[in-house]
Amino acid sequence: NESKNLVWLEKFVREYNIKNPIYPMNESQFETCKLVCKEHRMFNIQGFAGVGKTTTGIAFMYDLHKTMHPERKIVGLAVQNTTSKALTEGGFQNNECFNTTSFLLKSRDREGNINPKFINENANALWVIYEASMVSAEQANELLKLARECNASIACVGATEQILAVGAGQFINQVRATLREDQQTEMSVVVRQRTEEQRNVANYFRSGEPDKAIEILKNL
């Protein structure tokens, strides 16, 4: 599967670069897409806002899954409705995006047993957990249990630096500590800010050097 996926990646990169001639796919984004090609049962994509997690990593993930596994379901999950809708930038349809609470509610019946219909619908599915650092420890554990029942794969996408939800555990840190090195990647090149000055400002704020960022902003 990986060799076929890599061939599809070549096509995806060509099309991406045609659409983005000024800012073609960078090495960080390419390595993320290569990780997706491996189709691990669980993998982790990390990176600050603006590095292209959605427009490259998730977009390729969605494109590959729909092409190579059209019979298998793909689901976009996020703690907040507004965040889950952001997955549409990566190709997801609105009816494929759910907040984690509503998704988990569908998984069990009134007695608390796992719903057989849920298992059938999600058999061998791919669940993309967007902004995974916002997921609470309780919801994370439930998602992992359900994934085992459904034989579903999980892709965690997000950044540890984001503010954790109330009651959240260090889920994303646990994921990073548990997964092998070849099951995770960290995107580091900011692309959303188009000018060099904008990228420097973003990087200075992220590295804890706000004075340098403010100095640049004063001179713009």
N, C-alpha and C. Protein backbone atom coordinates (compact mmCIF):
# COMPACT_ATOMS: atom_id res chain seq x y z
N ASN A 1 0.82 -1.21 0.00
CA ASN A 1 0.00 0.00 0.00
C ASN A 1 0.86 1.26 0.00
N GLU A 2 1.94 1.24 0.78
CA GLU A 2 2.75 2.46 0.89
C GLU A 2 3.33 2.88 -0.45
N SER A 3 3.79 1.92 -1.25
CA SER A 3 4.36 2.26 -2.56
C SER A 3 3.31 2.90 -3.46
N LYS A 4 2.09 2.36 -3.44
CA LYS A 4 1.01 2.94 -4.24
C LYS A 4 0.66 4.34 -3.73
N ASN A 5 0.68 4.48 -2.41
CA ASN A 5 0.36 5.77 -1.81
C ASN A 5 1.39 6.84 -2.19
N LEU A 6 2.65 6.42 -2.27
CA LEU A 6 3.71 7.36 -2.64
C LEU A 6 3.56 7.84 -4.08
N VAL A 7 3.08 6.95 -4.93
CA VAL A 7 2.80 7.34 -6.32
C VAL A 7 1.70 8.39 -6.34
N TRP A 8 0.68 8.15 -5.52
CA TRP A 8 -0.41 9.13 -5.45
C TRP A 8 0.07 10.45 -4.86
N LEU A 9 1.02 10.37 -3.95
CA LEU A 9 1.57 11.59 -3.35
C LEU A 9 2.26 12.44 -4.43
N GLU A 10 2.97 11.80 -5.34
CA GLU A 10 3.64 12.54 -6.42
C GLU A 10 2.62 13.35 -7.22
N LYS A 11 1.48 12.76 -7.49
CA LYS A 11 0.41 13.44 -8.22
C LYS A 11 -0.13 14.61 -7.38
N PHE A 12 -0.33 14.36 -6.10
CA PHE A 12 -0.86 15.40 -5.20
C PHE A 12 0.10 16.60 -5.15
N VAL A 13 1.40 16.31 -5.05
CA VAL A 13 2.40 17.38 -4.98
C VAL A 13 2.40 18.21 -6.26
N ARG A 14 2.34 17.54 -7.40
CA ARG A 14 2.31 18.26 -8.67
C ARG A 14 1.13 19.21 -8.74
N GLU A 15 -0.04 18.71 -8.37
CA GLU A 15 -1.25 19.54 -8.42
C GLU A 15 -1.19 20.67 -7.40
N TYR A 16 -0.64 20.38 -6.22
CA TYR A 16 -0.51 21.40 -5.18
C TYR A 16 0.40 22.52 -5.66
N ASN A 17 1.52 22.17 -6.27
CA ASN A 17 2.49 23.17 -6.71
C ASN A 17 1.97 24.00 -7.88
N ILE A 18 1.13 23.40 -8.71
CA ILE A 18 0.50 24.17 -9.79
C ILE A 18 -0.43 25.23 -9.22
N LYS A 19 -1.15 24.85 -8.15
CA LYS A 19 -2.09 25.78 -7.52
C LYS A 19 -1.36 26.82 -6.66
N ASN A 20 -0.15 26.48 -6.20
CA ASN A 20 0.61 27.37 -5.32
C ASN A 20 2.01 27.60 -5.87
N PRO A 21 2.14 28.24 -7.03
CA PRO A 21 3.45 28.38 -7.67
C PRO A 21 4.44 29.23 -6.88
N ILE A 22 3.94 30.20 -6.11
CA ILE A 22 4.83 31.06 -5.34
C ILE A 22 5.31 30.36 -4.07
N TYR A 23 4.42 29.58 -3.48
CA TYR A 23 4.77 28.85 -2.25
C TYR A 23 4.50 27.36 -2.46
N PRO A 24 5.33 26.67 -3.21
CA PRO A 24 5.14 25.23 -3.44
C PRO A 24 5.34 24.44 -2.14
N MET A 25 4.98 23.19 -2.17
CA MET A 25 5.08 22.36 -0.97
C MET A 25 6.53 22.31 -0.47
N ASN A 26 6.71 22.60 0.82
CA ASN A 26 8.05 22.58 1.40
C ASN A 26 8.38 21.19 1.97
N GLU A 27 9.61 21.03 2.40
CA GLU A 27 10.07 19.72 2.87
C GLU A 27 9.28 19.23 4.08
N SER A 28 8.96 20.15 4.99
CA SER A 28 8.21 19.80 6.19
C SER A 28 6.83 19.24 5.81
N GLN A 29 6.16 19.88 4.86
CA GLN A 29 4.86 19.43 4.42
C GLN A 29 4.96 18.10 3.69
N PHE A 30 6.00 17.95 2.88
CA PHE A 30 6.20 16.71 2.13
C PHE A 30 6.44 15.53 3.07
N GLU A 31 7.25 15.73 4.10
CA GLU A 31 7.52 14.65 5.06
C GLU A 31 6.25 14.25 5.80
N THR A 32 5.37 15.23 6.06
CA THR A 32 4.10 14.93 6.71
C THR A 32 3.23 14.06 5.82
N CYS A 33 3.19 14.38 4.53
CA CYS A 33 2.42 13.58 3.59
C CYS A 33 3.00 12.17 3.45
N LYS A 34 4.32 12.05 3.53
CA LYS A 34 4.95 10.73 3.47
C LYS A 34 4.55 9.89 4.67
N LEU A 35 4.42 10.54 5.84
CA LEU A 35 3.96 9.82 7.03
C LEU A 35 2.55 9.29 6.81
N VAL A 36 1.69 10.10 6.21
CA VAL A 36 0.32 9.67 5.92
C VAL A 36 0.33 8.43 5.03
N CYS A 37 1.27 8.36 4.10
CA CYS A 37 1.36 7.22 3.17
C CYS A 37 1.59 5.89 3.88
N LYS A 38 2.16 5.92 5.06
CA LYS A 38 2.47 4.69 5.79
C LYS A 38 1.22 4.03 6.36
N GLU A 39 0.15 4.81 6.52
CA GLU A 39 -1.13 4.30 7.01
C GLU A 39 -0.99 3.56 8.34
N HIS A 40 -0.31 4.17 9.29
CA HIS A 40 -0.23 3.59 10.63
C HIS A 40 -1.61 3.58 11.26
N ARG A 41 -1.83 2.64 12.18
CA ARG A 41 -3.11 2.59 12.89
C ARG A 41 -3.32 3.84 13.72
N MET A 42 -2.22 4.44 14.18
CA MET A 42 -2.30 5.71 14.90
C MET A 42 -1.05 6.52 14.56
N PHE A 43 -1.24 7.80 14.24
CA PHE A 43 -0.09 8.65 13.96
C PHE A 43 -0.40 10.07 14.38
N ASN A 44 0.65 10.87 14.47
CA ASN A 44 0.53 12.20 15.06
C ASN A 44 1.21 13.25 14.19
N ILE A 45 0.48 14.33 13.89
CA ILE A 45 1.03 15.44 13.12
C ILE A 45 0.97 16.69 14.00
N GLN A 46 2.11 17.27 14.28
CA GLN A 46 2.20 18.44 15.15
C GLN A 46 2.66 19.66 14.36
N GLY A 47 2.33 20.84 14.87
CA GLY A 47 2.81 22.05 14.22
C GLY A 47 2.00 23.26 14.64
N PHE A 48 2.65 24.42 14.63
CA PHE A 48 1.96 25.67 14.96
C PHE A 48 0.96 26.03 13.87
N ALA A 49 0.10 26.99 14.18
CA ALA A 49 -0.83 27.51 13.19
C ALA A 49 -0.03 28.13 12.04
N GLY A 50 -0.48 27.86 10.81
CA GLY A 50 0.15 28.46 9.65
C GLY A 50 1.19 27.61 8.96
N VAL A 51 1.45 26.39 9.46
CA VAL A 51 2.48 25.55 8.82
C VAL A 51 1.90 24.67 7.72
N GLY A 52 0.57 24.64 7.60
CA GLY A 52 -0.05 23.85 6.54
C GLY A 52 -0.57 22.50 6.97
N LYS A 53 -0.89 22.34 8.25
CA LYS A 53 -1.41 21.05 8.73
C LYS A 53 -2.70 20.69 7.99
N THR A 54 -3.56 21.69 7.79
CA THR A 54 -4.85 21.43 7.15
C THR A 54 -4.73 21.37 5.64
N THR A 55 -4.06 22.35 5.06
CA THR A 55 -4.03 22.48 3.59
C THR A 55 -3.12 21.46 2.91
N THR A 56 -2.20 20.86 3.65
CA THR A 56 -1.37 19.81 3.05
C THR A 56 -1.57 18.47 3.75
N GLY A 57 -1.28 18.39 5.04
CA GLY A 57 -1.38 17.12 5.77
C GLY A 57 -2.78 16.51 5.72
N ILE A 58 -3.77 17.28 6.16
CA ILE A 58 -5.13 16.76 6.19
C ILE A 58 -5.70 16.64 4.78
N ALA A 59 -5.39 17.62 3.92
CA ALA A 59 -5.89 17.57 2.54
C ALA A 59 -5.41 16.31 1.83
N PHE A 60 -4.13 15.97 2.01
CA PHE A 60 -3.61 14.75 1.38
C PHE A 60 -4.21 13.51 2.02
N MET A 61 -4.36 13.54 3.34
CA MET A 61 -4.94 12.42 4.07
C MET A 61 -6.34 12.11 3.53
N TYR A 62 -7.11 13.17 3.36
CA TYR A 62 -8.49 13.02 2.87
C TYR A 62 -8.50 12.52 1.43
N ASP A 63 -7.67 13.14 0.59
CA ASP A 63 -7.60 12.77 -0.83
C ASP A 63 -7.16 11.32 -1.00
N LEU A 64 -6.15 10.92 -0.24
CA LEU A 64 -5.62 9.56 -0.33
C LEU A 64 -6.66 8.55 0.13
N HIS A 65 -7.32 8.84 1.24
CA HIS A 65 -8.30 7.91 1.80
C HIS A 65 -9.47 7.72 0.84
N LYS A 66 -9.96 8.82 0.29
CA LYS A 66 -11.10 8.75 -0.62
C LYS A 66 -10.74 8.01 -1.92
N THR A 67 -9.48 8.11 -2.32
CA THR A 67 -9.04 7.47 -3.56
C THR A 67 -8.72 6.00 -3.37
N MET A 68 -7.93 5.69 -2.33
CA MET A 68 -7.46 4.33 -2.12
C MET A 68 -8.43 3.46 -1.31
N HIS A 69 -9.24 4.10 -0.48
CA HIS A 69 -10.16 3.34 0.37
C HIS A 69 -11.56 3.94 0.33
N PRO A 70 -12.17 4.02 -0.85
CA PRO A 70 -13.49 4.65 -0.96
C PRO A 70 -14.59 3.94 -0.15
N GLU A 71 -14.33 2.66 0.17
CA GLU A 71 -15.33 1.91 0.92
C GLU A 71 -15.26 2.17 2.42
N ARG A 72 -14.20 2.82 2.85
CA ARG A 72 -14.01 3.07 4.28
C ARG A 72 -14.36 4.51 4.64
N LYS A 73 -14.98 4.66 5.78
CA LYS A 73 -15.43 5.97 6.24
C LYS A 73 -14.25 6.81 6.74
N ILE A 74 -14.32 8.12 6.54
CA ILE A 74 -13.36 9.04 7.13
C ILE A 74 -14.15 10.08 7.90
N VAL A 75 -13.72 10.36 9.13
CA VAL A 75 -14.46 11.26 10.02
C VAL A 75 -13.52 12.32 10.58
N GLY A 76 -13.96 13.56 10.56
CA GLY A 76 -13.20 14.66 11.16
C GLY A 76 -13.78 15.01 12.51
N LEU A 77 -12.96 15.01 13.54
CA LEU A 77 -13.44 15.26 14.90
C LEU A 77 -12.71 16.45 15.52
N ALA A 78 -13.44 17.23 16.31
CA ALA A 78 -12.85 18.34 17.05
C ALA A 78 -13.73 18.65 18.24
N VAL A 79 -13.14 19.26 19.25
CA VAL A 79 -13.89 19.57 20.47
C VAL A 79 -15.00 20.58 20.19
N GLN A 80 -14.72 21.58 19.37
CA GLN A 80 -15.69 22.64 19.09
C GLN A 80 -16.23 22.52 17.67
N ASN A 81 -17.50 22.90 17.50
CA ASN A 81 -18.11 22.85 16.17
C ASN A 81 -17.36 23.73 15.18
N THR A 82 -16.98 24.92 15.62
CA THR A 82 -16.30 25.85 14.73
C THR A 82 -14.96 25.29 14.27
N THR A 83 -14.29 24.57 15.16
CA THR A 83 -13.01 23.96 14.80
C THR A 83 -13.20 22.81 13.83
N SER A 84 -14.23 22.01 14.06
CA SER A 84 -14.47 20.87 13.16
C SER A 84 -14.81 21.35 11.76
N LYS A 85 -15.47 22.49 11.65
CA LYS A 85 -15.81 23.03 10.33
C LYS A 85 -14.55 23.45 9.57
N ALA A 86 -13.48 23.79 10.31
CA ALA A 86 -12.23 24.18 9.65
C ALA A 86 -11.65 23.02 8.84
N LEU A 87 -12.08 21.81 9.14
CA LEU A 87 -11.60 20.64 8.40
C LEU A 87 -12.04 20.67 6.94
N THR A 88 -13.06 21.47 6.64
CA THR A 88 -13.51 21.57 5.25
C THR A 88 -12.40 22.17 4.37
N GLU A 89 -11.48 22.93 4.98
CA GLU A 89 -10.34 23.46 4.22
C GLU A 89 -9.44 22.34 3.72
N GLY A 90 -9.53 21.19 4.38
CA GLY A 90 -8.73 20.03 3.98
C GLY A 90 -9.51 19.05 3.12
N GLY A 91 -10.72 19.44 2.68
CA GLY A 91 -11.49 18.59 1.78
C GLY A 91 -12.70 17.93 2.40
N PHE A 92 -12.79 17.89 3.72
CA PHE A 92 -13.92 17.25 4.37
C PHE A 92 -15.24 17.91 3.99
N GLN A 93 -16.28 17.09 3.89
CA GLN A 93 -17.63 17.61 3.72
C GLN A 93 -18.21 17.91 5.11
N ASN A 94 -19.17 18.82 5.17
CA ASN A 94 -19.75 19.20 6.47
C ASN A 94 -20.33 17.99 7.21
N ASN A 95 -20.93 17.06 6.47
CA ASN A 95 -21.55 15.90 7.12
C ASN A 95 -20.54 14.85 7.56
N GLU A 96 -19.25 15.12 7.31
CA GLU A 96 -18.21 14.21 7.76
C GLU A 96 -17.47 14.77 8.99
N CYS A 97 -17.89 15.94 9.46
CA CYS A 97 -17.24 16.61 10.59
C CYS A 97 -18.16 16.62 11.81
N PHE A 98 -17.63 16.28 12.97
CA PHE A 98 -18.42 16.22 14.19
C PHE A 98 -17.61 16.77 15.35
N ASN A 99 -18.32 17.32 16.35
CA ASN A 99 -17.60 17.59 17.59
C ASN A 99 -17.52 16.27 18.36
N THR A 100 -16.52 16.13 19.18
CA THR A 100 -16.25 14.84 19.82
C THR A 100 -17.41 14.40 20.72
N THR A 101 -18.08 15.35 21.37
CA THR A 101 -19.18 14.99 22.27
C THR A 101 -20.32 14.33 21.51
N SER A 102 -20.77 14.94 20.42
CA SER A 102 -21.89 14.37 19.65
C SER A 102 -21.50 13.03 19.02
N PHE A 103 -20.25 12.92 18.59
CA PHE A 103 -19.77 11.66 18.00
C PHE A 103 -19.80 10.54 19.02
N LEU A 104 -19.32 10.83 20.23
CA LEU A 104 -19.29 9.81 21.27
C LEU A 104 -20.70 9.43 21.74
N LEU A 105 -21.61 10.39 21.74
CA LEU A 105 -22.99 10.09 22.14
C LEU A 105 -23.63 9.09 21.20
N LYS A 106 -23.26 9.13 19.93
CA LYS A 106 -23.82 8.20 18.95
C LYS A 106 -23.29 6.79 19.12
N SER A 107 -22.19 6.67 19.87
CA SER A 107 -21.51 5.37 19.94
C SER A 107 -22.17 4.40 20.93
N ARG A 108 -23.00 4.91 21.82
CA ARG A 108 -23.58 4.03 22.85
C ARG A 108 -25.09 4.19 22.93
N ASP A 109 -25.75 3.12 23.36
CA ASP A 109 -27.20 3.17 23.51
C ASP A 109 -27.57 3.72 24.88
N ARG A 110 -28.84 3.72 25.21
CA ARG A 110 -29.30 4.31 26.47
C ARG A 110 -28.78 3.57 27.69
N GLU A 111 -28.46 2.29 27.51
CA GLU A 111 -27.92 1.50 28.63
C GLU A 111 -26.41 1.64 28.76
N GLY A 112 -25.80 2.38 27.85
CA GLY A 112 -24.36 2.59 27.92
C GLY A 112 -23.54 1.57 27.15
N ASN A 113 -24.22 0.68 26.43
CA ASN A 113 -23.51 -0.32 25.64
C ASN A 113 -23.13 0.26 24.27
N ILE A 114 -22.04 -0.25 23.72
CA ILE A 114 -21.62 0.22 22.40
C ILE A 114 -22.67 -0.17 21.36
N ASN A 115 -23.06 0.80 20.57
CA ASN A 115 -24.09 0.61 19.55
C ASN A 115 -23.53 -0.20 18.37
N PRO A 116 -24.11 -1.37 18.08
CA PRO A 116 -23.61 -2.18 16.96
C PRO A 116 -23.63 -1.41 15.63
N LYS A 117 -24.60 -0.54 15.44
CA LYS A 117 -24.68 0.25 14.21
C LYS A 117 -23.47 1.16 14.08
N PHE A 118 -23.05 1.72 15.21
CA PHE A 118 -21.88 2.60 15.21
C PHE A 118 -20.64 1.82 14.79
N ILE A 119 -20.49 0.60 15.32
CA ILE A 119 -19.33 -0.23 14.98
C ILE A 119 -19.33 -0.57 13.49
N ASN A 120 -20.49 -0.92 12.96
CA ASN A 120 -20.57 -1.26 11.53
C ASN A 120 -20.24 -0.07 10.65
N GLU A 121 -20.77 1.10 11.01
CA GLU A 121 -20.54 2.30 10.20
C GLU A 121 -19.09 2.76 10.23
N ASN A 122 -18.40 2.46 11.33
CA ASN A 122 -17.02 2.94 11.50
C ASN A 122 -15.98 1.84 11.37
N ALA A 123 -16.39 0.70 10.87
CA ALA A 123 -15.43 -0.40 10.70
C ALA A 123 -14.30 0.01 9.76
N ASN A 124 -13.06 -0.13 10.23
CA ASN A 124 -11.85 0.21 9.45
C ASN A 124 -11.80 1.67 9.02
N ALA A 125 -12.50 2.52 9.72
CA ALA A 125 -12.56 3.94 9.36
C ALA A 125 -11.26 4.66 9.76
N LEU A 126 -11.14 5.89 9.27
CA LEU A 126 -10.05 6.78 9.69
C LEU A 126 -10.67 7.95 10.42
N TRP A 127 -10.28 8.14 11.68
CA TRP A 127 -10.76 9.28 12.47
C TRP A 127 -9.63 10.30 12.58
N VAL A 128 -9.89 11.49 12.10
CA VAL A 128 -8.92 12.57 12.16
C VAL A 128 -9.30 13.50 13.31
N ILE A 129 -8.51 13.48 14.37
CA ILE A 129 -8.80 14.33 15.55
C ILE A 129 -8.05 15.64 15.38
N TYR A 130 -8.79 16.69 15.06
CA TYR A 130 -8.22 18.00 14.78
C TYR A 130 -8.05 18.79 16.07
N GLU A 131 -6.93 19.50 16.19
CA GLU A 131 -6.58 20.21 17.43
C GLU A 131 -6.69 19.23 18.61
N ALA A 132 -5.95 18.13 18.49
CA ALA A 132 -6.05 17.02 19.44
C ALA A 132 -5.67 17.40 20.87
N SER A 133 -4.88 18.48 21.02
CA SER A 133 -4.49 18.89 22.37
C SER A 133 -5.66 19.43 23.17
N MET A 134 -6.79 19.70 22.50
CA MET A 134 -7.98 20.20 23.19
C MET A 134 -8.87 19.08 23.72
N VAL A 135 -8.60 17.86 23.32
CA VAL A 135 -9.44 16.73 23.73
C VAL A 135 -9.15 16.35 25.18
N SER A 136 -10.20 16.18 25.95
CA SER A 136 -10.02 15.82 27.36
C SER A 136 -9.53 14.38 27.48
N ALA A 137 -8.95 14.07 28.62
CA ALA A 137 -8.44 12.72 28.87
C ALA A 137 -9.57 11.70 28.80
N GLU A 138 -10.73 12.08 29.33
CA GLU A 138 -11.89 11.16 29.34
C GLU A 138 -12.34 10.84 27.92
N GLN A 139 -12.47 11.88 27.09
CA GLN A 139 -12.90 11.66 25.71
C GLN A 139 -11.83 10.91 24.92
N ALA A 140 -10.58 11.22 25.17
CA ALA A 140 -9.49 10.54 24.48
C ALA A 140 -9.52 9.04 24.76
N ASN A 141 -9.69 8.67 26.03
CA ASN A 141 -9.73 7.26 26.40
C ASN A 141 -10.91 6.55 25.73
N GLU A 142 -12.05 7.24 25.68
CA GLU A 142 -13.23 6.65 25.05
C GLU A 142 -13.02 6.47 23.54
N LEU A 143 -12.41 7.44 22.91
CA LEU A 143 -12.13 7.32 21.48
C LEU A 143 -11.18 6.16 21.19
N LEU A 144 -10.18 5.99 22.03
CA LEU A 144 -9.23 4.89 21.84
C LEU A 144 -9.91 3.53 22.01
N LYS A 145 -10.81 3.43 22.99
CA LYS A 145 -11.55 2.19 23.20
C LYS A 145 -12.42 1.86 21.98
N LEU A 146 -13.12 2.89 21.50
CA LEU A 146 -14.02 2.69 20.36
C LEU A 146 -13.24 2.35 19.09
N ALA A 147 -12.06 2.96 18.95
CA ALA A 147 -11.24 2.68 17.77
C ALA A 147 -10.84 1.21 17.74
N ARG A 148 -10.53 0.65 18.90
CA ARG A 148 -10.19 -0.77 18.97
C ARG A 148 -11.38 -1.63 18.57
N GLU A 149 -12.58 -1.25 19.05
CA GLU A 149 -13.79 -2.01 18.74
C GLU A 149 -14.10 -1.97 17.24
N CYS A 150 -13.84 -0.82 16.62
CA CYS A 150 -14.17 -0.62 15.21
C CYS A 150 -13.01 -0.96 14.27
N ASN A 151 -11.85 -1.26 14.85
CA ASN A 151 -10.64 -1.43 14.05
C ASN A 151 -10.35 -0.17 13.24
N ALA A 152 -10.63 0.97 13.84
CA ALA A 152 -10.44 2.26 13.17
C ALA A 152 -9.03 2.78 13.40
N SER A 153 -8.56 3.59 12.48
CA SER A 153 -7.26 4.26 12.62
C SER A 153 -7.50 5.68 13.13
N ILE A 154 -6.50 6.21 13.83
CA ILE A 154 -6.62 7.56 14.39
C ILE A 154 -5.43 8.41 13.96
N ALA A 155 -5.74 9.60 13.43
CA ALA A 155 -4.72 10.59 13.12
C ALA A 155 -4.93 11.78 14.05
N CYS A 156 -3.94 12.06 14.87
CA CYS A 156 -3.99 13.21 15.77
C CYS A 156 -3.30 14.39 15.09
N VAL A 157 -3.97 15.53 15.07
CA VAL A 157 -3.40 16.72 14.44
C VAL A 157 -3.54 17.90 15.39
N GLY A 158 -2.46 18.62 15.65
CA GLY A 158 -2.56 19.76 16.55
C GLY A 158 -1.22 20.19 17.10
N ALA A 159 -1.29 21.01 18.16
CA ALA A 159 -0.08 21.53 18.80
C ALA A 159 -0.22 21.48 20.30
N THR A 160 0.82 21.05 20.99
CA THR A 160 0.78 20.94 22.44
C THR A 160 0.67 22.30 23.11
N GLU A 161 1.08 23.37 22.42
CA GLU A 161 1.11 24.69 23.04
C GLU A 161 -0.27 25.31 23.19
N GLN A 162 -1.28 24.73 22.54
CA GLN A 162 -2.62 25.30 22.65
C GLN A 162 -3.16 25.11 24.05
N ILE A 163 -4.08 26.01 24.45
CA ILE A 163 -4.70 25.92 25.77
C ILE A 163 -5.55 24.66 25.83
N LEU A 164 -5.32 23.87 26.85
CA LEU A 164 -6.07 22.62 27.00
C LEU A 164 -7.48 22.89 27.50
N ALA A 165 -8.39 22.05 27.08
CA ALA A 165 -9.78 22.18 27.52
C ALA A 165 -9.89 21.90 29.02
N VAL A 166 -10.97 22.39 29.62
CA VAL A 166 -11.20 22.14 31.04
C VAL A 166 -11.32 20.63 31.25
N GLY A 167 -10.57 20.12 32.20
CA GLY A 167 -10.59 18.69 32.48
C GLY A 167 -9.71 17.88 31.55
N ALA A 168 -8.98 18.55 30.69
CA ALA A 168 -8.14 17.82 29.73
C ALA A 168 -6.90 17.27 30.39
N GLY A 169 -6.50 16.10 29.99
CA GLY A 169 -5.23 15.55 30.43
C GLY A 169 -4.18 15.87 29.38
N GLN A 170 -2.99 15.40 29.57
CA GLN A 170 -1.93 15.65 28.60
C GLN A 170 -2.00 14.60 27.49
N PHE A 171 -3.16 14.55 26.83
CA PHE A 171 -3.40 13.51 25.82
C PHE A 171 -2.36 13.54 24.72
N ILE A 172 -2.14 14.71 24.13
CA ILE A 172 -1.25 14.78 22.99
C ILE A 172 0.19 14.46 23.39
N ASN A 173 0.57 14.84 24.63
CA ASN A 173 1.92 14.51 25.11
C ASN A 173 2.06 13.00 25.32
N GLN A 174 0.98 12.37 25.79
CA GLN A 174 1.00 10.93 25.96
C GLN A 174 1.12 10.23 24.61
N VAL A 175 0.43 10.78 23.62
CA VAL A 175 0.52 10.23 22.27
C VAL A 175 1.95 10.31 21.77
N ARG A 176 2.56 11.46 21.95
CA ARG A 176 3.94 11.66 21.48
C ARG A 176 4.90 10.70 22.18
N ALA A 177 4.66 10.47 23.47
CA ALA A 177 5.55 9.60 24.23
C ALA A 177 5.35 8.13 23.87
N THR A 178 4.14 7.78 23.45
CA THR A 178 3.81 6.38 23.17
C THR A 178 4.19 5.96 21.76
N LEU A 179 3.95 6.84 20.79
CA LEU A 179 4.20 6.47 19.40
C LEU A 179 5.69 6.42 19.08
N ARG A 180 6.03 5.57 18.13
CA ARG A 180 7.40 5.52 17.65
C ARG A 180 7.71 6.78 16.84
N GLU A 181 8.99 7.01 16.62
CA GLU A 181 9.41 8.20 15.88
C GLU A 181 8.85 8.20 14.46
N ASP A 182 8.74 7.02 13.86
CA ASP A 182 8.25 6.95 12.48
C ASP A 182 6.74 7.07 12.38
N GLN A 183 6.06 7.24 13.52
CA GLN A 183 4.61 7.40 13.54
C GLN A 183 4.19 8.85 13.80
N GLN A 184 5.14 9.75 13.79
CA GLN A 184 4.81 11.15 14.07
C GLN A 184 5.77 12.09 13.37
N THR A 185 5.29 13.30 13.18
CA THR A 185 6.12 14.32 12.54
C THR A 185 5.73 15.68 13.09
N GLU A 186 6.65 16.62 12.96
CA GLU A 186 6.38 17.98 13.42
C GLU A 186 6.67 18.95 12.28
N MET A 187 5.64 19.68 11.89
CA MET A 187 5.77 20.66 10.82
C MET A 187 6.28 21.97 11.42
N SER A 188 7.26 22.58 10.78
CA SER A 188 7.93 23.72 11.41
C SER A 188 8.00 24.99 10.57
N VAL A 189 7.73 24.89 9.27
CA VAL A 189 7.88 26.05 8.40
C VAL A 189 6.54 26.76 8.24
N VAL A 190 6.46 28.00 8.71
CA VAL A 190 5.23 28.78 8.64
C VAL A 190 5.01 29.24 7.20
N VAL A 191 3.82 28.97 6.67
CA VAL A 191 3.52 29.37 5.29
C VAL A 191 2.30 30.28 5.19
N ARG A 192 1.46 30.31 6.21
CA ARG A 192 0.25 31.12 6.13
C ARG A 192 0.59 32.59 6.04
N GLN A 193 1.60 33.04 6.79
CA GLN A 193 2.04 34.43 6.69
C GLN A 193 2.88 34.55 5.42
N ARG A 194 2.44 35.35 4.47
CA ARG A 194 3.00 35.33 3.13
C ARG A 194 4.32 36.10 2.99
N THR A 195 4.52 37.18 3.73
CA THR A 195 5.76 37.94 3.58
C THR A 195 6.78 37.46 4.61
N GLU A 196 8.05 37.74 4.34
CA GLU A 196 9.10 37.35 5.28
C GLU A 196 8.90 38.02 6.63
N GLU A 197 8.48 39.31 6.62
CA GLU A 197 8.26 40.03 7.87
C GLU A 197 7.15 39.36 8.68
N GLN A 198 6.07 38.97 8.02
CA GLN A 198 4.96 38.32 8.71
C GLN A 198 5.39 36.99 9.32
N ARG A 199 6.19 36.23 8.57
CA ARG A 199 6.66 34.95 9.09
C ARG A 199 7.60 35.15 10.28
N ASN A 200 8.45 36.18 10.21
CA ASN A 200 9.36 36.45 11.33
C ASN A 200 8.59 36.86 12.57
N VAL A 201 7.55 37.67 12.38
CA VAL A 201 6.72 38.08 13.53
C VAL A 201 6.09 36.86 14.18
N ALA A 202 5.51 35.98 13.37
CA ALA A 202 4.87 34.77 13.90
C ALA A 202 5.88 33.90 14.63
N ASN A 203 7.06 33.72 14.05
CA ASN A 203 8.08 32.87 14.67
C ASN A 203 8.60 33.46 15.98
N TYR A 204 8.77 34.79 16.03
CA TYR A 204 9.23 35.42 17.26
C TYR A 204 8.21 35.27 18.39
N PHE A 205 6.94 35.45 18.07
CA PHE A 205 5.91 35.27 19.09
C PHE A 205 5.91 33.83 19.60
N ARG A 206 6.09 32.87 18.70
CA ARG A 206 6.05 31.46 19.08
C ARG A 206 7.28 31.04 19.89
N SER A 207 8.40 31.71 19.64
CA SER A 207 9.63 31.35 20.36
C SER A 207 9.78 32.12 21.66
N GLY A 208 8.75 32.89 22.04
CA GLY A 208 8.79 33.62 23.30
C GLY A 208 9.63 34.87 23.25
N GLU A 209 9.70 35.50 22.08
CA GLU A 209 10.46 36.74 21.91
C GLU A 209 9.54 37.85 21.37
N PRO A 210 8.52 38.24 22.13
CA PRO A 210 7.54 39.22 21.65
C PRO A 210 8.14 40.59 21.36
N ASP A 211 9.22 40.98 22.07
CA ASP A 211 9.83 42.30 21.85
C ASP A 211 10.34 42.42 20.40
N LYS A 212 10.96 41.35 19.91
CA LYS A 212 11.49 41.36 18.55
C LYS A 212 10.34 41.43 17.53
N ALA A 213 9.25 40.71 17.84
CA ALA A 213 8.09 40.72 16.95
C ALA A 213 7.47 42.11 16.89
N ILE A 214 7.34 42.75 18.04
CA ILE A 214 6.74 44.09 18.11
C ILE A 214 7.61 45.11 17.38
N GLU A 215 8.93 44.95 17.47
CA GLU A 215 9.84 45.87 16.80
C GLU A 215 9.65 45.80 15.27
N ILE A 216 9.45 44.58 14.76
CA ILE A 216 9.21 44.43 13.33
C ILE A 216 7.90 45.09 12.94
N LEU A 217 6.87 44.88 13.77
CA LEU A 217 5.54 45.43 13.48
C LEU A 217 5.58 46.97 13.45
N LYS A 218 6.41 47.55 14.30
CA LYS A 218 6.53 49.01 14.32
C LYS A 218 7.09 49.56 13.02
N ASN A 219 7.94 48.76 12.37
CA ASN A 219 8.61 49.23 11.16
C ASN A 219 7.88 48.87 9.86
N LEU A 220 6.76 48.15 9.99
CA LEU A 220 6.01 47.77 8.79
C LEU A 220 5.26 48.97 8.21
